[in-house]
C-alpha atoms as a PDB file:
ATOM      1  CA  MET A   1     150.253-120.930 -16.700  1.00  0.00           C
ATOM      2  CA  GLY A   2     147.207-122.347 -18.578  1.00  0.00           C
ATOM      3  CA  ARG A   3     146.697-126.082 -19.143  1.00  0.00           C
ATOM      4  CA  LEU A   4     147.215-125.623 -22.998  1.00  0.00           C
ATOM      5  CA  SER A   5     150.522-124.003 -22.393  1.00  0.00           C
ATOM      6  CA  GLU A   6     151.565-126.649 -19.918  1.00  0.00           C
ATOM      7  CA  THR A   7     150.590-129.407 -22.343  1.00  0.00           C
ATOM      8  CA  GLU A   8     152.693-127.554 -25.164  1.00  0.00           C
ATOM      9  CA  GLN A   9     155.760-127.474 -22.737  1.00  0.00           C
ATOM     10  CA  GLN A  10     155.306-131.163 -21.915  1.00  0.00           C
ATOM     11  CA  ARG A  11     155.273-131.860 -25.589  1.00  0.00           C
ATOM     12  CA  ASP A  12     158.437-129.788 -26.173  1.00  0.00           C
ATOM     13  CA  ARG A  13     160.196-131.584 -23.360  1.00  0.00           C
ATOM     14  CA  LEU A  14     159.404-134.918 -24.927  1.00  0.00           C
ATOM     15  CA  ASP A  15     160.294-133.810 -28.401  1.00  0.00           C
ATOM     16  CA  ARG A  16     163.728-132.501 -27.353  1.00  0.00           C
ATOM     17  CA  ALA A  17     164.471-135.778 -25.494  1.00  0.00           C
ATOM     18  CA  LEU A  18     163.509-137.830 -28.624  1.00  0.00           C
ATOM     19  CA  ALA A  19     165.320-135.485 -30.795  1.00  0.00           C
ATOM     20  CA  SER A  20     168.520-135.719 -28.817  1.00  0.00           C
ATOM     21  CA  LEU A  21     168.310-139.474 -29.400  1.00  0.00           C
ATOM     22  CA  SER A  22     167.506-139.202 -32.991  1.00  0.00           C
ATOM     23  CA  GLU A  23     164.122-140.709 -32.386  1.00  0.00           C
ATOM     24  CA  THR A  24     160.581-139.779 -33.265  1.00  0.00           C
ATOM     25  CA  PRO A  25     157.165-140.529 -31.668  1.00  0.00           C
ATOM     26  CA  SER A  26     156.476-144.333 -32.358  1.00  0.00           C
ATOM     27  CA  THR A  27     153.970-145.436 -35.001  1.00  0.00           C
ATOM     28  CA  LEU A  28     152.237-147.422 -32.375  1.00  0.00           C
ATOM     29  CA  LYS A  29     151.953-144.425 -30.093  1.00  0.00           C
ATOM     30  CA  GLU A  30     150.472-142.181 -32.861  1.00  0.00           C
ATOM     31  CA  GLY A  31     148.046-145.125 -33.824  1.00  0.00           C
ATOM     32  CA  VAL A  32     146.868-145.491 -30.315  1.00  0.00           C
ATOM     33  CA  MET A  33     146.325-141.882 -29.767  1.00  0.00           C
ATOM     34  CA  GLY A  34     144.319-141.731 -33.023  1.00  0.00           C
ATOM     35  CA  ILE A  35     142.146-144.543 -31.957  1.00  0.00           C
ATOM     36  CA  MET A  36     141.553-142.960 -28.462  1.00  0.00           C
ATOM     37  CA  GLY A  37     140.669-139.600 -30.278  1.00  0.00           C
ATOM     38  CA  ASN A  38     138.203-141.467 -32.324  1.00  0.00           C
ATOM     39  CA  LEU A  39     136.690-143.354 -29.499  1.00  0.00           C
ATOM     40  CA  ALA A  40     136.424-140.225 -27.366  1.00  0.00           C
ATOM     41  CA  ALA A  41     134.524-138.489 -30.269  1.00  0.00           C
ATOM     42  CA  LEU A  42     132.134-141.436 -30.419  1.00  0.00           C
ATOM     43  CA  ALA A  43     131.714-141.382 -26.678  1.00  0.00           C
ATOM     44  CA  HIS A  44     131.192-137.757 -26.481  1.00  0.00           C
ATOM     45  CA  SER A  45     128.455-137.514 -29.017  1.00  0.00           C
ATOM     46  CA  PRO A  46     125.586-135.421 -27.938  1.00  0.00           C
ATOM     47  CA  ALA A  47     123.808-137.207 -25.217  1.00  0.00           C
ATOM     48  CA  SER A  48     121.961-136.354 -22.017  1.00  0.00           C
ATOM     49  CA  ASP A  49     124.852-137.475 -19.882  1.00  0.00           C
ATOM     50  CA  GLU A  50     127.533-135.853 -22.170  1.00  0.00           C
ATOM     51  CA  ILE A  51     128.912-133.769 -19.469  1.00  0.00           C
ATOM     52  CA  LEU A  52     129.719-136.812 -17.232  1.00  0.00           C
ATOM     53  CA  LYS A  53     131.240-138.706 -20.003  1.00  0.00           C
ATOM     54  CA  ASN A  54     133.486-135.733 -20.874  1.00  0.00           C
ATOM     55  CA  ALA A  55     134.491-135.567 -17.071  1.00  0.00           C
ATOM     56  CA  PHE A  56     135.184-139.189 -16.823  1.00  0.00           C
ATOM     57  CA  ALA A  57     137.156-139.260 -20.081  1.00  0.00           C
ATOM     58  CA  SER A  58     139.337-136.270 -19.027  1.00  0.00           C
ATOM     59  CA  TYR A  59     139.958-137.871 -15.639  1.00  0.00           C
ATOM     60  CA  ALA A  60     140.995-141.068 -17.186  1.00  0.00           C
ATOM     61  CA  PHE A  61     143.127-139.531 -19.959  1.00  0.00           C
ATOM     62  CA  GLU A  62     145.108-137.662 -17.104  1.00  0.00           C
ATOM     63  CA  HIS A  63     145.907-140.986 -15.472  1.00  0.00           C
ATOM     64  CA  TYR A  64     146.857-142.529 -18.835  1.00  0.00           C
ATOM     65  CA  GLU A  65     149.531-139.763 -19.247  1.00  0.00           C
ATOM     66  CA  ILE A  66     150.677-140.203 -15.512  1.00  0.00           C
ATOM     67  CA  ALA A  67     151.302-143.963 -16.372  1.00  0.00           C
ATOM     68  CA  ALA A  68     152.955-142.968 -19.642  1.00  0.00           C
ATOM     69  CA  TYR A  69     155.520-140.784 -17.681  1.00  0.00           C
ATOM     70  CA  ASP A  70     156.059-143.696 -15.235  1.00  0.00           C
ATOM     71  CA  ALA A  71     157.131-145.876 -18.257  1.00  0.00           C
ATOM     72  CA  LEU A  72     159.384-143.007 -19.766  1.00  0.00           C
ATOM     73  CA  ILE A  73     161.020-142.464 -16.448  1.00  0.00           C
ATOM     74  CA  ALA A  74     161.757-146.292 -16.156  1.00  0.00           C
ATOM     75  CA  ILE A  75     162.875-146.387 -19.801  1.00  0.00           C
ATOM     76  CA  SER A  76     165.190-143.362 -19.159  1.00  0.00           C
ATOM     77  CA  GLU A  77     166.618-145.031 -16.009  1.00  0.00           C
ATOM     78  CA  ALA A  78     167.251-148.432 -17.775  1.00  0.00           C
ATOM     79  CA  ALA A  79     168.702-146.761 -20.878  1.00  0.00           C
ATOM     80  CA  GLY A  80     171.105-144.722 -18.827  1.00  0.00           C
ATOM     81  CA  HIS A  81     169.679-141.356 -19.791  1.00  0.00           C
ATOM     82  CA  ALA A  82     169.192-139.889 -16.421  1.00  0.00           C
ATOM     83  CA  GLU A  83     169.209-136.441 -17.901  1.00  0.00           C
ATOM     84  CA  TYR A  84     165.617-136.746 -19.020  1.00  0.00           C
ATOM     85  CA  ILE A  85     164.250-138.010 -15.760  1.00  0.00           C
ATOM     86  CA  SER A  86     163.668-134.579 -14.103  1.00  0.00           C
ATOM     87  CA  GLN A  87     161.884-133.318 -17.203  1.00  0.00           C
ATOM     88  CA  PHE A  88     159.611-136.197 -17.369  1.00  0.00           C
ATOM     89  CA  GLN A  89     158.945-135.961 -13.517  1.00  0.00           C
ATOM     90  CA  GLN A  90     158.064-132.295 -13.917  1.00  0.00           C
ATOM     91  CA  SER A  91     155.447-133.305 -16.702  1.00  0.00           C
ATOM     92  CA  GLN A  92     154.271-136.078 -14.539  1.00  0.00           C
ATOM     93  CA  ALA A  93     153.764-133.651 -11.606  1.00  0.00           C
ATOM     94  CA  GLU A  94     151.712-131.364 -13.830  1.00  0.00           C
ATOM     95  CA  GLU A  95     149.430-134.336 -15.045  1.00  0.00           C
ATOM     96  CA  ARG A  96     149.011-135.314 -11.386  1.00  0.00           C
ATOM     97  CA  ALA A  97     147.874-131.767 -10.577  1.00  0.00           C
ATOM     98  CA  ALA A  98     145.557-131.705 -13.619  1.00  0.00           C
ATOM     99  CA  ALA A  99     144.100-135.205 -12.622  1.00  0.00           C
ATOM    100  CA  GLN A 100     143.673-133.907  -8.978  1.00  0.00           C
ATOM    101  CA  ALA A 101     141.866-130.696 -10.085  1.00  0.00           C
ATOM    102  CA  ILE A 102     139.559-132.725 -12.399  1.00  0.00           C
ATOM    103  CA  GLY A 103     138.869-135.252  -9.574  1.00  0.00           C
ATOM    104  CA  LYS A 104     137.806-132.429  -7.260  1.00  0.00           C
ATOM    105  CA  LEU A 105     135.217-131.539  -9.817  1.00  0.00           C
ATOM    106  CA  MET A 106     133.689-135.062 -10.401  1.00  0.00           C
ATOM    107  CA  LEU A 107     131.297-134.867  -7.267  1.00  0.00           C
ATOM    108  CA  PRO A 108     129.982-131.484  -7.876  1.00  0.00           C
ATOM    109  CA  THR A 109     129.699-132.080 -11.591  1.00  0.00           C
ATOM    110  CA  THR A 110     127.696-135.307 -10.899  1.00  0.00           C
ATOM    111  CA  GLN A 111     125.585-133.724  -8.268  1.00  0.00           C
ATOM    112  CA  THR A 112     124.654-130.693 -10.584  1.00  0.00           C
ATOM    113  CA  TYR A 113     123.846-133.092 -13.434  1.00  0.00           C
ATOM    114  CA  LEU A 114     121.600-135.103 -11.307  1.00  0.00           C
ATOM    115  CA  LYS A 115     119.743-132.036  -9.818  1.00  0.00           C
ATOM    116  CA  ARG A 116     119.264-130.544 -13.293  1.00  0.00           C
ATOM    117  CA  SER A 117     118.196-133.975 -14.623  1.00  0.00           C
ATOM    118  CA  LEU A 118     115.632-134.455 -12.032  1.00  0.00           C
ATOM    119  CA  LYS A 119     114.040-131.101 -12.718  1.00  0.00           C
ATOM    120  CA  ASP A 120     113.997-131.975 -16.428  1.00  0.00           C
ATOM    121  CA  LEU A 121     116.383-129.143 -17.129  1.00  0.00           C
ATOM    122  CA  LYS A 122     119.138-129.261 -19.685  1.00  0.00           C
ATOM    123  CA  ALA A 123     121.949-130.986 -18.025  1.00  0.00           C
ATOM    124  CA  ASP A 124     124.383-132.283 -20.835  1.00  0.00           C
ATOM    125  CA  ARG A 125     126.746-129.390 -20.828  1.00  0.00           C
END
């Protein structure tokens, strides 16, 4: 399964849980996500170290999502909605796997960037 498909399934799990509670994503969450998207766009504007910035941002965002699932699991437990916990744990496990995969790429990406930069080769993508 591809990462996009996995992300869509995670969104569907969350949407189903919220719909069963007659809730929608919070305005605050939507606002924060919008701000993060804008900041990411600014941070990733074309620059010689764009590839590194993108890798760092991807790695950080996976950890943000892991933390969000920690909160959703705790909220589900506290609110007595244990039926959602396994779904959130599944999504969190997928995020952990994605973070681990990105983490394994950080060193080789950085090393390749450095080698190319030192040889004055294009190293931004």
